[in-house]
Amino acid sequence: MRPIQIAIDGPSGAGKSTMAKLISQKLNIMYLDTGAMYRALALKAIRKGIDTKNGDLVTPLLKDLDIRISYENGNQKVLLDGEDVTGLIRTDEVSMGASNVSAIPEVRQKLVELQQKLASNNSVVMDGRDIGTHVLPNADVKIFLTASVKERALRRYNELKEKGLLSKSLEELEKEIELRDYNDSNRAASPLRKAEDAILLDTTGLTIEQVVEAILEIVKTKGLTHAI
């Protein structure tokens, strides 16, 4: 049976990672969090005092970069140079840093190569901002998740509050998300956009269960029911 590829794209806070994890569990296939790779690189740059927008300084970090995604009891772990940084890459500073480094062409080329290699040998659900347009252009299923800026900011606010990491107001988070949307949509290297053959799914006002059900229905209509 050939590997199945499911691409889930969309802006920051649209619920891509949450949905990708749940769908991978439902279908019993690998989930690859591409955003975590960019976050890990951003963390490495920040730790070294490097401006994440400076391609000349960030690119040399790729030479000995060691990023690995592993799973323990169904939970994803992100390893950076052998260190578990799963909980360290979810701060606002790293989020903005990830958006910055992802705009550097050399960074995207390196990480995309790693992502494509994994997807060629395994059935995967992959989420990001250019999966359906660039990383997996021939994916069996392409979904573009979105939601209003206000709802995405509220989700981020509640997530940070629950983790005890809340340091900004809801209004500040809205402005950050708007900035990330602009950066991701206007970068020169593989900008955020909906693939022509992707299905648009607006999650504003929907529960997690409703979104999961909608995605599984899309998978079924694509004739991939043997994977469920």
N, C-alpha and C. Protein backbone atom coordinates (compact mmCIF):
# COMPACT_ATOMS: atom_id res chain seq x y z
N MET A 1 0.85 -1.19 0.00
CA MET A 1 0.00 0.00 0.00
C MET A 1 0.89 1.25 0.00
N ARG A 2 0.68 2.15 -0.95
CA ARG A 2 1.53 3.34 -1.03
C ARG A 2 1.22 4.30 0.12
N PRO A 3 2.21 5.12 0.49
CA PRO A 3 2.00 6.09 1.57
C PRO A 3 0.90 7.09 1.23
N ILE A 4 0.14 7.49 2.22
CA ILE A 4 -0.92 8.48 2.06
C ILE A 4 -0.42 9.81 2.58
N GLN A 5 -0.68 10.88 1.84
CA GLN A 5 -0.24 12.20 2.25
C GLN A 5 -1.43 13.13 2.43
N ILE A 6 -1.55 13.70 3.64
CA ILE A 6 -2.61 14.66 3.94
C ILE A 6 -1.95 15.97 4.36
N ALA A 7 -2.24 17.04 3.62
CA ALA A 7 -1.64 18.35 3.89
C ALA A 7 -2.68 19.28 4.50
N ILE A 8 -2.32 19.88 5.63
CA ILE A 8 -3.20 20.84 6.29
C ILE A 8 -2.46 22.16 6.43
N ASP A 9 -2.93 23.18 5.72
CA ASP A 9 -2.30 24.50 5.76
C ASP A 9 -3.23 25.51 6.38
N GLY A 10 -2.67 26.69 6.66
CA GLY A 10 -3.49 27.76 7.21
C GLY A 10 -2.66 28.72 8.03
N PRO A 11 -3.25 29.85 8.41
CA PRO A 11 -2.53 30.87 9.19
C PRO A 11 -2.33 30.46 10.64
N SER A 12 -1.55 31.24 11.36
CA SER A 12 -1.28 30.98 12.77
C SER A 12 -2.56 30.96 13.59
N GLY A 13 -2.71 29.94 14.44
CA GLY A 13 -3.85 29.87 15.34
C GLY A 13 -5.12 29.30 14.74
N ALA A 14 -5.04 28.77 13.51
CA ALA A 14 -6.23 28.24 12.86
C ALA A 14 -6.59 26.84 13.36
N GLY A 15 -5.68 26.23 14.12
CA GLY A 15 -5.95 24.90 14.66
C GLY A 15 -5.31 23.79 13.86
N LYS A 16 -4.33 24.12 13.03
CA LYS A 16 -3.70 23.12 12.16
C LYS A 16 -3.08 21.96 12.94
N SER A 17 -2.26 22.30 13.94
CA SER A 17 -1.56 21.26 14.69
C SER A 17 -2.52 20.38 15.46
N THR A 18 -3.49 21.00 16.09
CA THR A 18 -4.49 20.23 16.85
C THR A 18 -5.22 19.25 15.94
N MET A 19 -5.65 19.75 14.79
CA MET A 19 -6.38 18.89 13.86
C MET A 19 -5.48 17.80 13.28
N ALA A 20 -4.27 18.16 12.92
CA ALA A 20 -3.36 17.18 12.33
C ALA A 20 -3.08 16.04 13.30
N LYS A 21 -2.88 16.38 14.58
CA LYS A 21 -2.62 15.35 15.59
C LYS A 21 -3.81 14.40 15.71
N LEU A 22 -5.01 14.98 15.79
CA LEU A 22 -6.20 14.15 15.97
C LEU A 22 -6.49 13.29 14.74
N ILE A 23 -6.30 13.86 13.56
CA ILE A 23 -6.54 13.10 12.33
C ILE A 23 -5.53 11.96 12.20
N SER A 24 -4.29 12.22 12.56
CA SER A 24 -3.26 11.17 12.48
C SER A 24 -3.61 10.02 13.42
N GLN A 25 -4.17 10.35 14.58
CA GLN A 25 -4.57 9.32 15.54
C GLN A 25 -5.75 8.51 15.01
N LYS A 26 -6.71 9.21 14.40
CA LYS A 26 -7.89 8.54 13.85
C LYS A 26 -7.52 7.59 12.72
N LEU A 27 -6.54 8.01 11.91
CA LEU A 27 -6.14 7.21 10.75
C LEU A 27 -4.95 6.29 11.05
N ASN A 28 -4.40 6.46 12.24
CA ASN A 28 -3.25 5.66 12.66
C ASN A 28 -2.05 5.82 11.71
N ILE A 29 -1.76 7.08 11.37
CA ILE A 29 -0.60 7.37 10.53
C ILE A 29 0.22 8.47 11.21
N MET A 30 1.42 8.73 10.69
CA MET A 30 2.35 9.67 11.31
C MET A 30 1.88 11.12 11.20
N TYR A 31 2.10 11.87 12.27
CA TYR A 31 1.87 13.32 12.25
C TYR A 31 3.23 14.01 12.27
N LEU A 32 3.46 14.90 11.31
CA LEU A 32 4.71 15.64 11.26
C LEU A 32 4.43 17.13 11.43
N ASP A 33 4.85 17.68 12.56
CA ASP A 33 4.67 19.09 12.87
C ASP A 33 5.80 19.89 12.26
N THR A 34 5.60 20.41 11.06
CA THR A 34 6.67 21.15 10.38
C THR A 34 7.00 22.45 11.10
N GLY A 35 5.99 23.05 11.69
CA GLY A 35 6.22 24.31 12.41
C GLY A 35 7.20 24.14 13.55
N ALA A 36 7.18 22.96 14.18
CA ALA A 36 8.09 22.70 15.30
C ALA A 36 9.54 22.73 14.84
N MET A 37 9.77 22.34 13.59
CA MET A 37 11.14 22.37 13.06
C MET A 37 11.64 23.81 12.95
N TYR A 38 10.80 24.71 12.44
CA TYR A 38 11.19 26.10 12.32
C TYR A 38 11.33 26.75 13.70
N ARG A 39 10.47 26.34 14.62
CA ARG A 39 10.55 26.86 15.99
C ARG A 39 11.86 26.44 16.65
N ALA A 40 12.27 25.20 16.41
CA ALA A 40 13.51 24.71 17.00
C ALA A 40 14.71 25.50 16.49
N LEU A 41 14.72 25.76 15.18
CA LEU A 41 15.81 26.55 14.61
C LEU A 41 15.79 27.97 15.19
N ALA A 42 14.59 28.54 15.32
CA ALA A 42 14.48 29.89 15.88
C ALA A 42 15.02 29.92 17.31
N LEU A 43 14.71 28.89 18.08
CA LEU A 43 15.19 28.80 19.46
C LEU A 43 16.72 28.77 19.48
N LYS A 44 17.30 28.00 18.56
CA LYS A 44 18.75 27.91 18.50
C LYS A 44 19.37 29.28 18.20
N ALA A 45 18.76 30.00 17.26
CA ALA A 45 19.27 31.34 16.91
C ALA A 45 19.14 32.30 18.09
N ILE A 46 17.99 32.27 18.74
CA ILE A 46 17.74 33.17 19.88
C ILE A 46 18.75 32.91 20.99
N ARG A 47 19.00 31.65 21.26
CA ARG A 47 19.96 31.29 22.31
C ARG A 47 21.36 31.80 22.01
N LYS A 48 21.68 31.92 20.72
CA LYS A 48 23.00 32.39 20.32
C LYS A 48 23.04 33.91 20.12
N GLY A 49 21.90 34.55 20.42
CA GLY A 49 21.83 36.00 20.29
C GLY A 49 21.78 36.48 18.86
N ILE A 50 21.32 35.61 17.96
CA ILE A 50 21.24 35.94 16.54
C ILE A 50 19.86 36.50 16.18
N ASP A 51 19.85 37.58 15.40
CA ASP A 51 18.61 38.15 14.91
C ASP A 51 17.98 37.15 13.94
N THR A 52 16.77 36.68 14.24
CA THR A 52 16.13 35.64 13.42
C THR A 52 15.74 36.14 12.03
N LYS A 53 15.84 37.44 11.80
CA LYS A 53 15.55 37.98 10.47
C LYS A 53 16.80 38.04 9.60
N ASN A 54 17.96 37.83 10.21
CA ASN A 54 19.22 37.96 9.50
C ASN A 54 19.64 36.63 8.87
N GLY A 55 19.35 36.50 7.59
CA GLY A 55 19.66 35.25 6.89
C GLY A 55 21.14 34.92 6.87
N ASP A 56 21.99 35.93 6.80
CA ASP A 56 23.44 35.69 6.76
C ASP A 56 23.94 35.05 8.05
N LEU A 57 23.27 35.33 9.16
CA LEU A 57 23.67 34.76 10.44
C LEU A 57 22.94 33.47 10.76
N VAL A 58 21.68 33.36 10.30
CA VAL A 58 20.89 32.16 10.60
C VAL A 58 21.32 30.98 9.74
N THR A 59 21.59 31.22 8.45
CA THR A 59 21.92 30.14 7.52
C THR A 59 23.08 29.26 7.98
N PRO A 60 24.17 29.80 8.53
CA PRO A 60 25.27 28.94 8.99
C PRO A 60 24.84 27.93 10.07
N LEU A 61 23.74 28.20 10.77
CA LEU A 61 23.28 27.28 11.81
C LEU A 61 22.78 25.96 11.21
N LEU A 62 22.46 25.98 9.91
CA LEU A 62 21.92 24.79 9.25
C LEU A 62 22.98 23.70 9.09
N LYS A 63 24.23 24.10 9.08
CA LYS A 63 25.32 23.15 8.80
C LYS A 63 25.34 21.99 9.78
N ASP A 64 25.20 22.28 11.08
CA ASP A 64 25.24 21.22 12.08
C ASP A 64 23.91 21.09 12.83
N LEU A 65 22.83 21.53 12.15
CA LEU A 65 21.51 21.48 12.78
C LEU A 65 21.01 20.05 12.90
N ASP A 66 20.59 19.67 14.10
CA ASP A 66 20.06 18.33 14.35
C ASP A 66 18.68 18.45 14.99
N ILE A 67 17.64 18.34 14.15
CA ILE A 67 16.26 18.41 14.64
C ILE A 67 15.60 17.06 14.41
N ARG A 68 15.03 16.51 15.44
CA ARG A 68 14.35 15.23 15.32
C ARG A 68 12.99 15.27 15.98
N ILE A 69 12.04 14.60 15.34
CA ILE A 69 10.68 14.49 15.87
C ILE A 69 10.48 13.05 16.31
N SER A 70 10.14 12.86 17.58
CA SER A 70 9.92 11.50 18.08
C SER A 70 8.58 11.45 18.81
N TYR A 71 8.11 10.25 19.08
CA TYR A 71 6.83 10.07 19.75
C TYR A 71 6.97 9.10 20.91
N GLU A 72 6.39 9.50 22.04
CA GLU A 72 6.37 8.64 23.21
C GLU A 72 4.95 8.60 23.76
N ASN A 73 4.37 7.41 23.76
CA ASN A 73 2.99 7.23 24.22
C ASN A 73 2.02 8.15 23.49
N GLY A 74 2.28 8.32 22.18
CA GLY A 74 1.39 9.13 21.36
C GLY A 74 1.65 10.62 21.41
N ASN A 75 2.61 11.04 22.23
CA ASN A 75 2.92 12.46 22.36
C ASN A 75 4.19 12.81 21.59
N GLN A 76 4.12 13.92 20.86
CA GLN A 76 5.27 14.34 20.06
C GLN A 76 6.34 15.00 20.93
N LYS A 77 7.59 14.68 20.64
CA LYS A 77 8.71 15.33 21.30
C LYS A 77 9.61 15.93 20.23
N VAL A 78 10.08 17.14 20.48
CA VAL A 78 10.97 17.81 19.55
C VAL A 78 12.35 17.87 20.18
N LEU A 79 13.33 17.29 19.49
CA LEU A 79 14.70 17.27 19.99
C LEU A 79 15.57 18.20 19.16
N LEU A 80 16.28 19.10 19.82
CA LEU A 80 17.20 20.02 19.17
C LEU A 80 18.60 19.72 19.66
N ASP A 81 19.43 19.23 18.76
CA ASP A 81 20.80 18.84 19.13
C ASP A 81 20.80 17.92 20.34
N GLY A 82 19.83 16.99 20.35
CA GLY A 82 19.75 16.00 21.41
C GLY A 82 18.98 16.43 22.65
N GLU A 83 18.59 17.71 22.72
CA GLU A 83 17.85 18.23 23.88
C GLU A 83 16.36 18.27 23.60
N ASP A 84 15.56 17.84 24.57
CA ASP A 84 14.11 17.91 24.44
C ASP A 84 13.67 19.36 24.66
N VAL A 85 13.23 20.00 23.57
CA VAL A 85 12.82 21.41 23.66
C VAL A 85 11.32 21.57 23.41
N THR A 86 10.58 20.49 23.56
CA THR A 86 9.14 20.49 23.27
C THR A 86 8.41 21.65 23.93
N GLY A 87 8.68 21.88 25.20
CA GLY A 87 7.98 22.93 25.92
C GLY A 87 8.59 24.31 25.77
N LEU A 88 9.80 24.37 25.21
CA LEU A 88 10.52 25.64 25.10
C LEU A 88 10.25 26.38 23.80
N ILE A 89 9.64 25.70 22.83
CA ILE A 89 9.46 26.32 21.51
C ILE A 89 8.07 26.91 21.31
N ARG A 90 7.29 27.01 22.40
CA ARG A 90 5.92 27.51 22.27
C ARG A 90 5.73 28.90 22.84
N THR A 91 6.82 29.62 23.09
CA THR A 91 6.69 30.98 23.60
C THR A 91 6.41 31.95 22.45
N ASP A 92 5.94 33.15 22.79
CA ASP A 92 5.65 34.16 21.76
C ASP A 92 6.93 34.56 21.02
N GLU A 93 8.04 34.66 21.76
CA GLU A 93 9.31 35.05 21.14
C GLU A 93 9.74 34.04 20.09
N VAL A 94 9.62 32.76 20.42
CA VAL A 94 10.00 31.71 19.48
C VAL A 94 9.01 31.67 18.31
N SER A 95 7.74 31.93 18.57
CA SER A 95 6.73 31.95 17.50
C SER A 95 7.08 32.98 16.44
N MET A 96 7.42 34.20 16.88
CA MET A 96 7.80 35.24 15.93
C MET A 96 9.12 34.89 15.25
N GLY A 97 10.03 34.28 16.02
CA GLY A 97 11.31 33.87 15.45
C GLY A 97 11.13 32.83 14.37
N ALA A 98 10.19 31.91 14.59
CA ALA A 98 9.92 30.87 13.60
C ALA A 98 9.38 31.48 12.31
N SER A 99 8.52 32.49 12.45
CA SER A 99 7.98 33.17 11.27
C SER A 99 9.11 33.85 10.50
N ASN A 100 10.07 34.41 11.24
CA ASN A 100 11.20 35.09 10.61
C ASN A 100 12.13 34.13 9.88
N VAL A 101 12.55 33.05 10.55
CA VAL A 101 13.51 32.13 9.92
C VAL A 101 12.88 31.39 8.74
N SER A 102 11.55 31.19 8.80
CA SER A 102 10.88 30.48 7.72
C SER A 102 10.85 31.28 6.43
N ALA A 103 11.13 32.59 6.53
CA ALA A 103 11.16 33.44 5.34
C ALA A 103 12.52 33.41 4.65
N ILE A 104 13.49 32.73 5.25
CA ILE A 104 14.83 32.65 4.68
C ILE A 104 14.89 31.46 3.72
N PRO A 105 15.13 31.68 2.43
CA PRO A 105 15.08 30.61 1.42
C PRO A 105 15.94 29.39 1.75
N GLU A 106 17.15 29.61 2.25
CA GLU A 106 18.04 28.47 2.55
C GLU A 106 17.47 27.61 3.67
N VAL A 107 16.79 28.24 4.62
CA VAL A 107 16.17 27.51 5.73
C VAL A 107 15.04 26.63 5.21
N ARG A 108 14.19 27.20 4.38
CA ARG A 108 13.05 26.46 3.86
C ARG A 108 13.53 25.28 3.01
N GLN A 109 14.55 25.51 2.20
CA GLN A 109 15.06 24.44 1.35
C GLN A 109 15.54 23.26 2.18
N LYS A 110 16.30 23.54 3.22
CA LYS A 110 16.85 22.49 4.07
C LYS A 110 15.76 21.70 4.78
N LEU A 111 14.81 22.41 5.40
CA LEU A 111 13.78 21.73 6.18
C LEU A 111 12.75 21.04 5.29
N VAL A 112 12.47 21.62 4.14
CA VAL A 112 11.54 20.98 3.20
C VAL A 112 12.10 19.65 2.71
N GLU A 113 13.39 19.61 2.46
CA GLU A 113 14.03 18.35 2.04
C GLU A 113 13.84 17.27 3.10
N LEU A 114 13.98 17.63 4.36
CA LEU A 114 13.79 16.67 5.45
C LEU A 114 12.33 16.20 5.51
N GLN A 115 11.41 17.14 5.33
CA GLN A 115 9.99 16.82 5.39
C GLN A 115 9.56 15.91 4.24
N GLN A 116 10.05 16.19 3.04
CA GLN A 116 9.69 15.39 1.87
C GLN A 116 10.25 13.97 1.99
N LYS A 117 11.43 13.85 2.56
CA LYS A 117 12.03 12.54 2.74
C LYS A 117 11.19 11.68 3.67
N LEU A 118 10.72 12.27 4.75
CA LEU A 118 9.88 11.54 5.70
C LEU A 118 8.56 11.12 5.04
N ALA A 119 7.96 12.03 4.26
CA ALA A 119 6.67 11.76 3.64
C ALA A 119 6.76 10.75 2.51
N SER A 120 7.94 10.57 1.94
CA SER A 120 8.08 9.61 0.84
C SER A 120 8.11 8.17 1.34
N ASN A 121 8.40 8.01 2.61
CA ASN A 121 8.53 6.66 3.18
C ASN A 121 7.43 6.30 4.17
N ASN A 122 6.61 7.28 4.54
CA ASN A 122 5.57 7.04 5.55
C ASN A 122 4.27 7.75 5.18
N SER A 123 3.15 7.16 5.56
CA SER A 123 1.88 7.86 5.44
C SER A 123 1.88 8.96 6.50
N VAL A 124 1.56 10.18 6.09
CA VAL A 124 1.67 11.30 7.02
C VAL A 124 0.51 12.28 6.93
N VAL A 125 0.28 12.95 8.06
CA VAL A 125 -0.53 14.15 8.11
C VAL A 125 0.47 15.25 8.43
N MET A 126 0.59 16.23 7.55
CA MET A 126 1.58 17.28 7.73
C MET A 126 0.89 18.64 7.74
N ASP A 127 1.22 19.46 8.72
CA ASP A 127 0.61 20.79 8.75
C ASP A 127 1.67 21.87 8.68
N GLY A 128 1.27 23.02 8.14
CA GLY A 128 2.20 24.13 8.00
C GLY A 128 1.54 25.26 7.25
N ARG A 129 2.34 25.97 6.44
CA ARG A 129 1.81 27.10 5.68
C ARG A 129 1.98 26.93 4.18
N ASP A 130 2.81 25.99 3.77
CA ASP A 130 3.00 25.76 2.34
C ASP A 130 3.11 24.28 2.01
N ILE A 131 2.41 23.46 2.79
CA ILE A 131 2.50 22.01 2.59
C ILE A 131 1.86 21.62 1.25
N GLY A 132 0.63 22.06 1.04
CA GLY A 132 -0.08 21.69 -0.19
C GLY A 132 0.45 22.38 -1.44
N THR A 133 1.07 23.54 -1.27
CA THR A 133 1.57 24.29 -2.43
C THR A 133 3.01 23.97 -2.77
N HIS A 134 3.79 23.56 -1.77
CA HIS A 134 5.24 23.42 -2.01
C HIS A 134 5.84 22.11 -1.50
N VAL A 135 5.56 21.78 -0.25
CA VAL A 135 6.20 20.59 0.35
C VAL A 135 5.63 19.30 -0.23
N LEU A 136 4.29 19.19 -0.23
CA LEU A 136 3.63 18.00 -0.77
C LEU A 136 2.61 18.41 -1.82
N PRO A 137 3.08 18.89 -2.98
CA PRO A 137 2.16 19.38 -4.01
C PRO A 137 1.25 18.31 -4.58
N ASN A 138 1.61 17.03 -4.40
CA ASN A 138 0.78 15.94 -4.91
C ASN A 138 0.07 15.18 -3.80
N ALA A 139 -0.14 15.84 -2.66
CA ALA A 139 -0.80 15.21 -1.53
C ALA A 139 -2.19 14.70 -1.93
N ASP A 140 -2.60 13.60 -1.33
CA ASP A 140 -3.91 13.00 -1.63
C ASP A 140 -5.05 13.89 -1.16
N VAL A 141 -4.85 14.56 -0.03
CA VAL A 141 -5.86 15.46 0.53
C VAL A 141 -5.19 16.77 0.92
N LYS A 142 -5.77 17.89 0.49
CA LYS A 142 -5.25 19.20 0.86
C LYS A 142 -6.38 20.00 1.51
N ILE A 143 -6.10 20.50 2.71
CA ILE A 143 -7.10 21.27 3.44
C ILE A 143 -6.48 22.59 3.88
N PHE A 144 -7.22 23.68 3.70
CA PHE A 144 -6.75 24.98 4.15
C PHE A 144 -7.66 25.44 5.29
N LEU A 145 -7.15 25.37 6.52
CA LEU A 145 -7.92 25.77 7.69
C LEU A 145 -7.77 27.27 7.93
N THR A 146 -8.84 27.91 8.32
CA THR A 146 -8.75 29.32 8.67
C THR A 146 -9.75 29.62 9.78
N ALA A 147 -9.68 30.82 10.32
CA ALA A 147 -10.61 31.30 11.36
C ALA A 147 -10.36 32.80 11.47
N SER A 148 -11.29 33.51 12.06
CA SER A 148 -11.13 34.96 12.20
C SER A 148 -9.94 35.27 13.09
N VAL A 149 -9.34 36.44 12.88
CA VAL A 149 -8.21 36.87 13.71
C VAL A 149 -8.62 36.91 15.18
N LYS A 150 -9.80 37.42 15.46
CA LYS A 150 -10.26 37.53 16.84
C LYS A 150 -10.36 36.15 17.50
N GLU A 151 -10.89 35.19 16.79
CA GLU A 151 -11.01 33.85 17.38
C GLU A 151 -9.65 33.19 17.55
N ARG A 152 -8.76 33.38 16.59
CA ARG A 152 -7.43 32.79 16.69
C ARG A 152 -6.65 33.39 17.86
N ALA A 153 -6.81 34.69 18.08
CA ALA A 153 -6.15 35.36 19.19
C ALA A 153 -6.70 34.86 20.53
N LEU A 154 -8.01 34.66 20.58
CA LEU A 154 -8.64 34.17 21.80
C LEU A 154 -8.16 32.76 22.14
N ARG A 155 -8.01 31.91 21.11
CA ARG A 155 -7.51 30.56 21.34
C ARG A 155 -6.09 30.61 21.91
N ARG A 156 -5.26 31.48 21.33
CA ARG A 156 -3.88 31.63 21.80
C ARG A 156 -3.86 32.16 23.23
N TYR A 157 -4.73 33.12 23.52
CA TYR A 157 -4.84 33.72 24.86
C TYR A 157 -5.17 32.64 25.89
N ASN A 158 -6.18 31.83 25.59
CA ASN A 158 -6.61 30.78 26.53
C ASN A 158 -5.54 29.71 26.70
N GLU A 159 -4.84 29.39 25.59
CA GLU A 159 -3.78 28.39 25.65
C GLU A 159 -2.64 28.84 26.56
N LEU A 160 -2.20 30.09 26.38
CA LEU A 160 -1.11 30.62 27.20
C LEU A 160 -1.53 30.77 28.65
N LYS A 161 -2.79 31.16 28.86
CA LYS A 161 -3.30 31.32 30.22
C LYS A 161 -3.32 29.99 30.95
N GLU A 162 -3.75 28.95 30.24
CA GLU A 162 -3.83 27.61 30.82
C GLU A 162 -2.43 27.09 31.20
N LYS A 163 -1.43 27.47 30.40
CA LYS A 163 -0.06 27.00 30.64
C LYS A 163 0.70 27.91 31.60
N GLY A 164 0.05 29.00 32.04
CA GLY A 164 0.71 29.92 32.95
C GLY A 164 1.76 30.77 32.27
N LEU A 165 1.64 30.95 30.94
CA LEU A 165 2.63 31.70 30.17
C LEU A 165 2.09 33.01 29.64
N LEU A 166 0.88 33.39 30.08
CA LEU A 166 0.24 34.59 29.55
C LEU A 166 0.95 35.85 30.04
N SER A 167 1.43 36.65 29.09
CA SER A 167 2.13 37.89 29.44
C SER A 167 1.63 39.07 28.60
N LYS A 168 0.63 38.82 27.74
CA LYS A 168 0.14 39.87 26.86
C LYS A 168 -1.38 39.90 26.88
N SER A 169 -1.91 41.06 26.51
CA SER A 169 -3.36 41.20 26.44
C SER A 169 -3.90 40.56 25.18
N LEU A 170 -5.20 40.36 25.14
CA LEU A 170 -5.84 39.78 23.96
C LEU A 170 -5.62 40.68 22.75
N GLU A 171 -5.66 41.99 22.97
CA GLU A 171 -5.46 42.94 21.87
C GLU A 171 -4.04 42.83 21.31
N GLU A 172 -3.06 42.66 22.18
CA GLU A 172 -1.67 42.51 21.73
C GLU A 172 -1.49 41.24 20.92
N LEU A 173 -2.15 40.18 21.34
CA LEU A 173 -2.06 38.91 20.62
C LEU A 173 -2.71 39.02 19.25
N GLU A 174 -3.80 39.78 19.17
CA GLU A 174 -4.46 40.00 17.87
C GLU A 174 -3.50 40.70 16.91
N LYS A 175 -2.80 41.71 17.40
CA LYS A 175 -1.85 42.45 16.56
C LYS A 175 -0.70 41.55 16.12
N GLU A 176 -0.23 40.68 17.02
CA GLU A 176 0.85 39.75 16.68
C GLU A 176 0.41 38.79 15.58
N ILE A 177 -0.81 38.28 15.69
CA ILE A 177 -1.32 37.34 14.70
C ILE A 177 -1.49 38.04 13.35
N GLU A 178 -1.97 39.26 13.36
CA GLU A 178 -2.10 40.02 12.11
C GLU A 178 -0.73 40.22 11.46
N LEU A 179 0.29 40.48 12.29
CA LEU A 179 1.65 40.67 11.78
C LEU A 179 2.18 39.37 11.19
N ARG A 180 1.94 38.26 11.88
CA ARG A 180 2.39 36.97 11.37
C ARG A 180 1.69 36.62 10.07
N ASP A 181 0.40 36.92 10.00
CA ASP A 181 -0.34 36.68 8.76
C ASP A 181 0.29 37.45 7.61
N TYR A 182 0.62 38.71 7.87
CA TYR A 182 1.22 39.55 6.83
C TYR A 182 2.58 39.00 6.41
N ASN A 183 3.42 38.69 7.41
CA ASN A 183 4.76 38.16 7.12
C ASN A 183 4.69 36.86 6.33
N ASP A 184 3.83 35.95 6.79
CA ASP A 184 3.74 34.64 6.14
C ASP A 184 3.17 34.72 4.73
N SER A 185 2.27 35.66 4.51
CA SER A 185 1.63 35.78 3.20
C SER A 185 2.45 36.57 2.20
N ASN A 186 3.41 37.36 2.70
CA ASN A 186 4.18 38.23 1.80
C ASN A 186 5.65 37.88 1.69
N ARG A 187 6.07 36.77 2.31
CA ARG A 187 7.47 36.39 2.20
C ARG A 187 7.75 35.91 0.77
N ALA A 188 9.01 36.04 0.38
CA ALA A 188 9.40 35.66 -0.98
C ALA A 188 9.42 34.15 -1.18
N ALA A 189 9.83 33.42 -0.14
CA ALA A 189 9.96 31.97 -0.25
C ALA A 189 8.68 31.27 0.20
N SER A 190 8.00 30.63 -0.74
CA SER A 190 6.80 29.83 -0.45
C SER A 190 5.83 30.53 0.50
N PRO A 191 5.21 31.61 0.08
CA PRO A 191 4.29 32.33 0.95
C PRO A 191 3.04 31.52 1.29
N LEU A 192 2.40 31.90 2.38
CA LEU A 192 1.16 31.26 2.79
C LEU A 192 0.08 31.58 1.77
N ARG A 193 -0.47 30.54 1.17
CA ARG A 193 -1.62 30.70 0.29
C ARG A 193 -2.32 29.36 0.13
N LYS A 194 -3.57 29.43 -0.22
CA LYS A 194 -4.36 28.22 -0.41
C LYS A 194 -4.03 27.59 -1.76
N ALA A 195 -3.72 26.29 -1.76
CA ALA A 195 -3.48 25.58 -3.01
C ALA A 195 -4.79 25.57 -3.80
N GLU A 196 -4.67 25.62 -5.12
CA GLU A 196 -5.88 25.66 -5.96
C GLU A 196 -6.79 24.47 -5.74
N ASP A 197 -6.22 23.31 -5.43
CA ASP A 197 -7.03 22.11 -5.23
C ASP A 197 -7.27 21.79 -3.76
N ALA A 198 -7.00 22.76 -2.88
CA ALA A 198 -7.24 22.55 -1.45
C ALA A 198 -8.69 22.91 -1.10
N ILE A 199 -9.21 22.24 -0.10
CA ILE A 199 -10.57 22.51 0.38
C ILE A 199 -10.50 23.50 1.53
N LEU A 200 -11.19 24.63 1.41
CA LEU A 200 -11.20 25.66 2.45
C LEU A 200 -12.16 25.25 3.57
N LEU A 201 -11.66 25.31 4.81
CA LEU A 201 -12.48 24.95 5.96
C LEU A 201 -12.32 26.03 7.03
N ASP A 202 -13.36 26.84 7.22
CA ASP A 202 -13.33 27.92 8.22
C ASP A 202 -13.80 27.33 9.55
N THR A 203 -12.91 27.40 10.57
CA THR A 203 -13.22 26.78 11.85
C THR A 203 -13.82 27.75 12.86
N THR A 204 -14.07 28.99 12.43
CA THR A 204 -14.66 29.97 13.34
C THR A 204 -16.00 29.45 13.87
N GLY A 205 -16.12 29.38 15.18
CA GLY A 205 -17.37 28.95 15.80
C GLY A 205 -17.59 27.45 15.84
N LEU A 206 -16.65 26.68 15.30
CA LEU A 206 -16.80 25.23 15.30
C LEU A 206 -16.05 24.60 16.48
N THR A 207 -16.57 23.48 16.98
CA THR A 207 -15.87 22.76 18.04
C THR A 207 -14.79 21.89 17.40
N ILE A 208 -13.87 21.42 18.21
CA ILE A 208 -12.81 20.54 17.73
C ILE A 208 -13.42 19.29 17.09
N GLU A 209 -14.43 18.74 17.74
CA GLU A 209 -15.07 17.53 17.23
C GLU A 209 -15.71 17.76 15.87
N GLN A 210 -16.31 18.92 15.67
CA GLN A 210 -16.95 19.23 14.39
C GLN A 210 -15.92 19.35 13.27
N VAL A 211 -14.78 19.94 13.58
CA VAL A 211 -13.73 20.09 12.57
C VAL A 211 -13.13 18.74 12.21
N VAL A 212 -12.88 17.91 13.22
CA VAL A 212 -12.34 16.56 12.98
C VAL A 212 -13.28 15.77 12.08
N GLU A 213 -14.57 15.84 12.38
CA GLU A 213 -15.56 15.11 11.59
C GLU A 213 -15.59 15.60 10.15
N ALA A 214 -15.47 16.90 9.98
CA ALA A 214 -15.48 17.48 8.62
C ALA A 214 -14.26 17.01 7.82
N ILE A 215 -13.09 16.96 8.48
CA ILE A 215 -11.87 16.53 7.78
C ILE A 215 -11.94 15.05 7.44
N LEU A 216 -12.43 14.24 8.36
CA LEU A 216 -12.55 12.80 8.10
C LEU A 216 -13.52 12.54 6.95
N GLU A 217 -14.55 13.35 6.84
CA GLU A 217 -15.51 13.20 5.74
C GLU A 217 -14.83 13.52 4.41
N ILE A 218 -13.96 14.53 4.42
CA ILE A 218 -13.21 14.88 3.21
C ILE A 218 -12.30 13.73 2.80
N VAL A 219 -11.64 13.11 3.79
CA VAL A 219 -10.75 11.97 3.52
C VAL A 219 -11.55 10.83 2.89
N LYS A 220 -12.75 10.58 3.41
CA LYS A 220 -13.58 9.50 2.88
C LYS A 220 -14.00 9.78 1.44
N THR A 221 -14.34 11.04 1.14
CA THR A 221 -14.77 11.37 -0.22
C THR A 221 -13.63 11.24 -1.23
N LYS A 222 -12.39 11.25 -0.73
CA LYS A 222 -11.23 11.10 -1.59
C LYS A 222 -10.90 9.63 -1.85
N GLY A 223 -11.74 8.74 -1.30
CA GLY A 223 -11.51 7.31 -1.53
C GLY A 223 -10.41 6.70 -0.69
N LEU A 224 -10.13 7.32 0.47
CA LEU A 224 -9.06 6.82 1.33
C LEU A 224 -9.62 6.14 2.57
N THR A 225 -10.82 5.61 2.45
CA THR A 225 -11.46 4.98 3.61
C THR A 225 -10.71 3.76 4.13
N HIS A 226 -9.85 3.17 3.28
CA HIS A 226 -9.10 1.99 3.72
C HIS A 226 -8.11 2.35 4.82
N ALA A 227 -7.85 3.66 4.97
CA ALA A 227 -6.88 4.07 5.98
C ALA A 227 -7.54 4.29 7.35
N ILE A 228 -8.87 4.33 7.34
CA ILE A 228 -9.59 4.65 8.59
C ILE A 228 -9.89 3.38 9.37
